[in-house]
Amino acid sequence: MDALSGRGTVVALILICCARTAAQAQDLPPVAVPVPIEATQQTAEPAQDSGLAARSGLQWLLASGKAMPGIFGSAGGRWVLVGMEAGLIWTTQPVPNDPTRFLGSQLALFVLGMPYASPWFDLALGSGVDAYPLWGINLDTWEVALSLRAHANLWITRKFGLFVHARAYPLQTAGLELGTARDEREGSPVLFGIGVTVRTR
């Protein structure tokens, strides 16, 4: 009987110790599990992709009877791009009794909204102001127009692409006459352009 009583006492003490340990464990603060540094960096990376991006490239405006090479650049986010263009103008069909071949420059500022964008294609629509300082003809000759634009870009790689754009002039100064050649022949009222472009991301 004494042996059984001693064993019961030992069992009771063990149960009391277990109960106290369990109660203390419930009061302990949760143990922080260390997060690998690489996992933290991977979680933070997508937030860095929300900034601005820049684009630039070379273009050729397809004007009848003219050679119009140029450069352009733009910057913006997912929905809006602000850009500019600069180019030179030569005539490829000189008018009789007029030896002038170099006509002047083409400048433009524009704002585009981008309703559709994917990793390989994007479409942008907007408006801007085009200016033509025709200093090859006369230093004081400037022609200006309000432009409506559509730009489409096809991305061959993540950062390199091809583009085509079109513009029309609903308002323009009298001497510009988009769609009319120097010899008074009628042409397209829409000015198209093609080129190559690169982007930062």
C-alpha atoms as a PDB file:
ATOM      1  CA  MET A   1       0.000   0.000   0.000  1.00  0.00           C
ATOM      2  CA  ASP A   2       2.840   2.363   0.846  1.00  0.00           C
ATOM      3  CA  ALA A   3       4.417   1.618  -2.571  1.00  0.00           C
ATOM      4  CA  LEU A   4       1.159   2.338  -4.380  1.00  0.00           C
ATOM      5  CA  SER A   5       0.688   5.521  -2.400  1.00  0.00           C
ATOM      6  CA  GLY A   6       4.224   6.664  -3.311  1.00  0.00           C
ATOM      7  CA  ARG A   7       3.653   5.948  -6.982  1.00  0.00           C
ATOM      8  CA  GLY A   8       0.401   7.907  -6.917  1.00  0.00           C
ATOM      9  CA  THR A   9       2.167  10.867  -5.371  1.00  0.00           C
ATOM     10  CA  VAL A  10       4.829  10.832  -8.109  1.00  0.00           C
ATOM     11  CA  VAL A  11       2.208  10.654 -10.848  1.00  0.00           C
ATOM     12  CA  ALA A  12       0.285  13.530  -9.258  1.00  0.00           C
ATOM     13  CA  LEU A  13       3.430  15.675  -9.116  1.00  0.00           C
ATOM     14  CA  ILE A  14       4.190  14.951 -12.795  1.00  0.00           C
ATOM     15  CA  LEU A  15       0.669  15.951 -13.809  1.00  0.00           C
ATOM     16  CA  ILE A  16       0.888  19.183 -11.802  1.00  0.00           C
ATOM     17  CA  CYS A  17       4.243  20.074 -13.466  1.00  0.00           C
ATOM     18  CA  CYS A  18       2.815  19.389 -16.908  1.00  0.00           C
ATOM     19  CA  ALA A  19      -0.211  21.550 -16.198  1.00  0.00           C
ATOM     20  CA  ARG A  20       1.969  24.458 -15.011  1.00  0.00           C
ATOM     21  CA  THR A  21       4.231  24.153 -18.079  1.00  0.00           C
ATOM     22  CA  ALA A  22       1.239  24.209 -20.413  1.00  0.00           C
ATOM     23  CA  ALA A  23      -0.190  27.276 -18.648  1.00  0.00           C
ATOM     24  CA  GLN A  24       3.129  29.118 -18.888  1.00  0.00           C
ATOM     25  CA  ALA A  25       3.427  28.227 -22.585  1.00  0.00           C
ATOM     26  CA  GLN A  26       0.071  29.883 -23.284  1.00  0.00           C
ATOM     27  CA  ASP A  27       1.288  33.144 -21.735  1.00  0.00           C
ATOM     28  CA  LEU A  28       4.506  33.274 -23.817  1.00  0.00           C
ATOM     29  CA  PRO A  29       4.591  35.678 -26.820  1.00  0.00           C
ATOM     30  CA  PRO A  30       4.603  34.053 -30.249  1.00  0.00           C
ATOM     31  CA  VAL A  31       8.021  33.116 -31.558  1.00  0.00           C
ATOM     32  CA  ALA A  32       9.063  35.218 -34.543  1.00  0.00           C
ATOM     33  CA  VAL A  33      10.014  33.131 -37.536  1.00  0.00           C
ATOM     34  CA  PRO A  34      12.926  34.693 -39.427  1.00  0.00           C
ATOM     35  CA  VAL A  35      12.108  35.606 -43.051  1.00  0.00           C
ATOM     36  CA  PRO A  36      14.889  35.020 -45.581  1.00  0.00           C
ATOM     37  CA  ILE A  37      16.334  38.215 -47.041  1.00  0.00           C
ATOM     38  CA  GLU A  38      15.726  36.994 -50.600  1.00  0.00           C
ATOM     39  CA  ALA A  39      12.007  36.526 -49.907  1.00  0.00           C
ATOM     40  CA  THR A  40      11.771  40.094 -48.547  1.00  0.00           C
ATOM     41  CA  GLN A  41      13.462  41.474 -51.643  1.00  0.00           C
ATOM     42  CA  GLN A  42      11.185  39.510 -53.960  1.00  0.00           C
ATOM     43  CA  THR A  43       8.121  40.878 -52.182  1.00  0.00           C
ATOM     44  CA  ALA A  44       9.356  44.468 -52.494  1.00  0.00           C
ATOM     45  CA  GLU A  45      10.332  44.287 -56.179  1.00  0.00           C
ATOM     46  CA  PRO A  46       6.848  44.731 -57.740  1.00  0.00           C
ATOM     47  CA  ALA A  47       6.420  48.115 -55.999  1.00  0.00           C
ATOM     48  CA  GLN A  48       9.459  49.418 -57.902  1.00  0.00           C
ATOM     49  CA  ASP A  49       7.666  48.883 -61.260  1.00  0.00           C
ATOM     50  CA  SER A  50       5.151  51.688 -60.676  1.00  0.00           C
ATOM     51  CA  GLY A  51       7.437  54.574 -61.702  1.00  0.00           C
ATOM     52  CA  LEU A  52       7.852  56.501 -64.936  1.00  0.00           C
ATOM     53  CA  ALA A  53       9.263  55.034 -68.133  1.00  0.00           C
ATOM     54  CA  ALA A  54      10.986  56.755 -71.055  1.00  0.00           C
ATOM     55  CA  ARG A  55      10.911  56.008 -74.772  1.00  0.00           C
ATOM     56  CA  SER A  56      12.985  57.320 -77.660  1.00  0.00           C
ATOM     57  CA  GLY A  57      13.641  56.455 -81.273  1.00  0.00           C
ATOM     58  CA  LEU A  58      14.084  57.331 -84.929  1.00  0.00           C
ATOM     59  CA  GLN A  59      11.201  58.053 -87.275  1.00  0.00           C
ATOM     60  CA  TRP A  60      10.436  58.775 -90.912  1.00  0.00           C
ATOM     61  CA  LEU A  61       7.348  60.783 -91.822  1.00  0.00           C
ATOM     62  CA  LEU A  62       5.720  59.579 -95.043  1.00  0.00           C
ATOM     63  CA  ALA A  63       4.910  62.894 -96.711  1.00  0.00           C
ATOM     64  CA  SER A  64       4.421  62.852-100.473  1.00  0.00           C
ATOM     65  CA  GLY A  65       7.300  64.522-102.295  1.00  0.00           C
ATOM     66  CA  LYS A  66       9.318  65.068 -99.106  1.00  0.00           C
ATOM     67  CA  ALA A  67      12.002  63.357 -97.051  1.00  0.00           C
ATOM     68  CA  MET A  68      11.345  63.876 -93.344  1.00  0.00           C
ATOM     69  CA  PRO A  69      13.692  61.980 -90.979  1.00  0.00           C
ATOM     70  CA  GLY A  70      13.534  62.772 -87.281  1.00  0.00           C
ATOM     71  CA  ILE A  71      13.923  61.756 -83.666  1.00  0.00           C
ATOM     72  CA  PHE A  72      11.429  61.603 -80.818  1.00  0.00           C
ATOM     73  CA  GLY A  73      11.267  61.026 -77.094  1.00  0.00           C
ATOM     74  CA  SER A  74       8.500  60.554 -74.555  1.00  0.00           C
ATOM     75  CA  ALA A  75       8.018  59.784 -70.885  1.00  0.00           C
ATOM     76  CA  GLY A  76       5.084  58.743 -68.739  1.00  0.00           C
ATOM     77  CA  GLY A  77       3.359  56.005 -66.835  1.00  0.00           C
ATOM     78  CA  ARG A  78       0.832  53.301 -67.657  1.00  0.00           C
ATOM     79  CA  TRP A  79      -1.912  55.648 -68.857  1.00  0.00           C
ATOM     80  CA  VAL A  80      -0.308  58.888 -70.112  1.00  0.00           C
ATOM     81  CA  LEU A  81       2.732  59.773 -72.261  1.00  0.00           C
ATOM     82  CA  VAL A  82       4.154  63.245 -72.906  1.00  0.00           C
ATOM     83  CA  GLY A  83       6.529  63.554 -75.840  1.00  0.00           C
ATOM     84  CA  MET A  84       8.311  65.669 -78.414  1.00  0.00           C
ATOM     85  CA  GLU A  85       9.661  65.316 -81.950  1.00  0.00           C
ATOM     86  CA  ALA A  86      12.308  67.070 -84.029  1.00  0.00           C
ATOM     87  CA  GLY A  87      13.146  66.494 -87.665  1.00  0.00           C
ATOM     88  CA  LEU A  88      14.334  67.973 -90.953  1.00  0.00           C
ATOM     89  CA  ILE A  89      12.504  68.400 -94.254  1.00  0.00           C
ATOM     90  CA  TRP A  90      13.782  68.105 -97.821  1.00  0.00           C
ATOM     91  CA  THR A  91      11.746  68.097-100.995  1.00  0.00           C
ATOM     92  CA  THR A  92      12.239  65.159-103.344  1.00  0.00           C
ATOM     93  CA  GLN A  93      10.200  66.774-106.137  1.00  0.00           C
ATOM     94  CA  PRO A  94      11.514  70.309-106.692  1.00  0.00           C
ATOM     95  CA  VAL A  95       9.220  72.761-108.413  1.00  0.00           C
ATOM     96  CA  PRO A  96      10.402  74.075-111.817  1.00  0.00           C
ATOM     97  CA  ASN A  97      12.310  77.373-111.532  1.00  0.00           C
ATOM     98  CA  ASP A  98      12.702  76.809-107.764  1.00  0.00           C
ATOM     99  CA  PRO A  99      16.052  75.163-106.850  1.00  0.00           C
ATOM    100  CA  THR A 100      15.221  74.943-103.140  1.00  0.00           C
ATOM    101  CA  ARG A 101      15.486  71.395-101.806  1.00  0.00           C
ATOM    102  CA  PHE A 102      16.000  71.889 -98.065  1.00  0.00           C
ATOM    103  CA  LEU A 103      12.834  73.352 -96.589  1.00  0.00           C
ATOM    104  CA  GLY A 104      13.350  73.530 -92.818  1.00  0.00           C
ATOM    105  CA  SER A 105      12.440  71.660 -89.649  1.00  0.00           C
ATOM    106  CA  GLN A 106       9.545  69.816 -88.065  1.00  0.00           C
ATOM    107  CA  LEU A 107       8.895  70.157 -84.319  1.00  0.00           C
ATOM    108  CA  ALA A 108       6.113  68.748 -82.177  1.00  0.00           C
ATOM    109  CA  LEU A 109       4.840  68.463 -78.610  1.00  0.00           C
ATOM    110  CA  PHE A 110       2.091  65.975 -77.770  1.00  0.00           C
ATOM    111  CA  VAL A 111       0.177  64.225 -74.996  1.00  0.00           C
ATOM    112  CA  LEU A 112      -1.138  60.690 -75.446  1.00  0.00           C
ATOM    113  CA  GLY A 113      -3.509  58.518 -73.457  1.00  0.00           C
ATOM    114  CA  MET A 114      -2.882  54.772 -73.615  1.00  0.00           C
ATOM    115  CA  PRO A 115      -6.171  52.822 -73.474  1.00  0.00           C
ATOM    116  CA  TYR A 116      -4.492  49.490 -74.250  1.00  0.00           C
ATOM    117  CA  ALA A 117      -1.066  48.131 -73.307  1.00  0.00           C
ATOM    118  CA  SER A 118       0.398  44.632 -73.162  1.00  0.00           C
ATOM    119  CA  PRO A 119       4.006  43.421 -72.989  1.00  0.00           C
ATOM    120  CA  TRP A 120       4.123  43.168 -76.805  1.00  0.00           C
ATOM    121  CA  PHE A 121       1.721  45.816 -78.120  1.00  0.00           C
ATOM    122  CA  ASP A 122       0.280  49.158 -77.061  1.00  0.00           C
ATOM    123  CA  LEU A 123      -2.032  51.742 -78.580  1.00  0.00           C
ATOM    124  CA  ALA A 124      -2.094  55.445 -77.696  1.00  0.00           C
ATOM    125  CA  LEU A 125      -4.382  58.309 -78.774  1.00  0.00           C
ATOM    126  CA  GLY A 126      -3.989  62.016 -78.170  1.00  0.00           C
ATOM    127  CA  SER A 127      -3.263  65.465 -79.535  1.00  0.00           C
ATOM    128  CA  GLY A 128      -0.485  67.982 -79.766  1.00  0.00           C
ATOM    129  CA  VAL A 129       0.965  70.980 -81.547  1.00  0.00           C
ATOM    130  CA  ASP A 130       3.163  70.676 -84.658  1.00  0.00           C
ATOM    131  CA  ALA A 131       5.382  73.519 -85.848  1.00  0.00           C
ATOM    132  CA  TYR A 132       7.242  73.859 -89.131  1.00  0.00           C
ATOM    133  CA  PRO A 133       9.932  76.569 -89.136  1.00  0.00           C
ATOM    134  CA  LEU A 134      10.669  76.679 -92.874  1.00  0.00           C
ATOM    135  CA  TRP A 135      13.958  78.504 -92.562  1.00  0.00           C
ATOM    136  CA  GLY A 136      15.240  76.845 -95.732  1.00  0.00           C
ATOM    137  CA  ILE A 137      12.717  78.981 -97.600  1.00  0.00           C
ATOM    138  CA  ASN A 138      12.490  82.044 -95.366  1.00  0.00           C
ATOM    139  CA  LEU A 139      13.756  82.628 -91.830  1.00  0.00           C
ATOM    140  CA  ASP A 140      10.429  84.225 -90.862  1.00  0.00           C
ATOM    141  CA  THR A 141       8.194  81.439 -92.168  1.00  0.00           C
ATOM    142  CA  TRP A 142       6.575  79.325 -89.436  1.00  0.00           C
ATOM    143  CA  GLU A 143       3.601  77.079 -90.008  1.00  0.00           C
ATOM    144  CA  VAL A 144       1.687  75.672 -86.998  1.00  0.00           C
ATOM    145  CA  ALA A 145      -1.070  73.086 -86.604  1.00  0.00           C
ATOM    146  CA  LEU A 146      -3.147  71.334 -83.956  1.00  0.00           C
ATOM    147  CA  SER A 147      -2.661  67.591 -84.407  1.00  0.00           C
ATOM    148  CA  LEU A 148      -4.810  64.571 -83.584  1.00  0.00           C
ATOM    149  CA  ARG A 149      -2.670  61.460 -83.207  1.00  0.00           C
ATOM    150  CA  ALA A 150      -2.777  57.669 -83.017  1.00  0.00           C
ATOM    151  CA  HIS A 151       0.349  55.660 -82.132  1.00  0.00           C
ATOM    152  CA  ALA A 152       0.759  51.869 -82.262  1.00  0.00           C
ATOM    153  CA  ASN A 153       3.883  50.086 -80.988  1.00  0.00           C
ATOM    154  CA  LEU A 154       4.860  46.459 -81.605  1.00  0.00           C
ATOM    155  CA  TRP A 155       7.551  45.312 -79.151  1.00  0.00           C
ATOM    156  CA  ILE A 156       9.932  42.769 -80.686  1.00  0.00           C
ATOM    157  CA  THR A 157      11.737  42.385 -77.377  1.00  0.00           C
ATOM    158  CA  ARG A 158      10.994  43.765 -73.931  1.00  0.00           C
ATOM    159  CA  LYS A 159      12.763  47.063 -74.742  1.00  0.00           C
ATOM    160  CA  PHE A 160      12.973  47.290 -78.559  1.00  0.00           C
ATOM    161  CA  GLY A 161      10.074  47.780 -80.927  1.00  0.00           C
ATOM    162  CA  LEU A 162       8.660  49.057 -84.193  1.00  0.00           C
ATOM    163  CA  PHE A 163       5.917  51.655 -84.476  1.00  0.00           C
ATOM    164  CA  VAL A 164       3.534  53.340 -86.844  1.00  0.00           C
ATOM    165  CA  HIS A 165       1.637  56.528 -86.137  1.00  0.00           C
ATOM    166  CA  ALA A 166      -0.807  58.772 -87.925  1.00  0.00           C
ATOM    167  CA  ARG A 167      -1.796  62.388 -87.462  1.00  0.00           C
ATOM    168  CA  ALA A 168      -4.304  64.790 -88.955  1.00  0.00           C
ATOM    169  CA  TYR A 169      -4.540  68.577 -88.635  1.00  0.00           C
ATOM    170  CA  PRO A 170      -8.065  69.822 -87.855  1.00  0.00           C
ATOM    171  CA  LEU A 171      -6.610  73.333 -87.399  1.00  0.00           C
ATOM    172  CA  GLN A 172      -3.595  74.683 -89.293  1.00  0.00           C
ATOM    173  CA  THR A 173      -2.148  77.901 -90.622  1.00  0.00           C
ATOM    174  CA  ALA A 174      -2.910  78.758 -94.232  1.00  0.00           C
ATOM    175  CA  GLY A 175       0.531  77.929 -95.621  1.00  0.00           C
ATOM    176  CA  LEU A 176       0.753  74.398 -94.218  1.00  0.00           C
ATOM    177  CA  GLU A 177      -2.024  72.648 -96.151  1.00  0.00           C
ATOM    178  CA  LEU A 178      -1.366  69.026 -95.190  1.00  0.00           C
ATOM    179  CA  GLY A 179      -2.363  66.908 -98.185  1.00  0.00           C
ATOM    180  CA  THR A 180      -1.336  69.501-100.776  1.00  0.00           C
ATOM    181  CA  ALA A 181       2.081  69.335-102.473  1.00  0.00           C
ATOM    182  CA  ARG A 182       4.193  72.357-103.468  1.00  0.00           C
ATOM    183  CA  ASP A 183       3.056  71.918-107.077  1.00  0.00           C
ATOM    184  CA  GLU A 184      -0.607  72.053-105.876  1.00  0.00           C
ATOM    185  CA  ARG A 185      -1.232  68.327-106.345  1.00  0.00           C
ATOM    186  CA  GLU A 186      -3.636  66.768-103.859  1.00  0.00           C
ATOM    187  CA  GLY A 187      -2.346  64.129-101.452  1.00  0.00           C
ATOM    188  CA  SER A 188      -3.442  62.335 -98.286  1.00  0.00           C
ATOM    189  CA  PRO A 189      -4.803  64.571 -95.487  1.00  0.00           C
ATOM    190  CA  VAL A 190      -3.256  62.135 -92.965  1.00  0.00           C
ATOM    191  CA  LEU A 191       0.472  62.156 -92.257  1.00  0.00           C
ATOM    192  CA  PHE A 192       1.844  58.701 -91.398  1.00  0.00           C
ATOM    193  CA  GLY A 193       5.142  57.881 -89.748  1.00  0.00           C
ATOM    194  CA  ILE A 194       7.156  54.718 -89.134  1.00  0.00           C
ATOM    195  CA  GLY A 195      10.247  53.987 -87.081  1.00  0.00           C
ATOM    196  CA  VAL A 196      12.063  52.114 -84.358  1.00  0.00           C
ATOM    197  CA  THR A 197      11.835  52.759 -80.631  1.00  0.00           C
ATOM    198  CA  VAL A 198      13.422  51.680 -77.352  1.00  0.00           C
ATOM    199  CA  ARG A 199      12.074  51.967 -73.813  1.00  0.00           C
ATOM    200  CA  THR A 200      13.611  51.862 -70.358  1.00  0.00           C
ATOM    201  CA  ARG A 201      11.240  49.145 -69.064  1.00  0.00           C
END
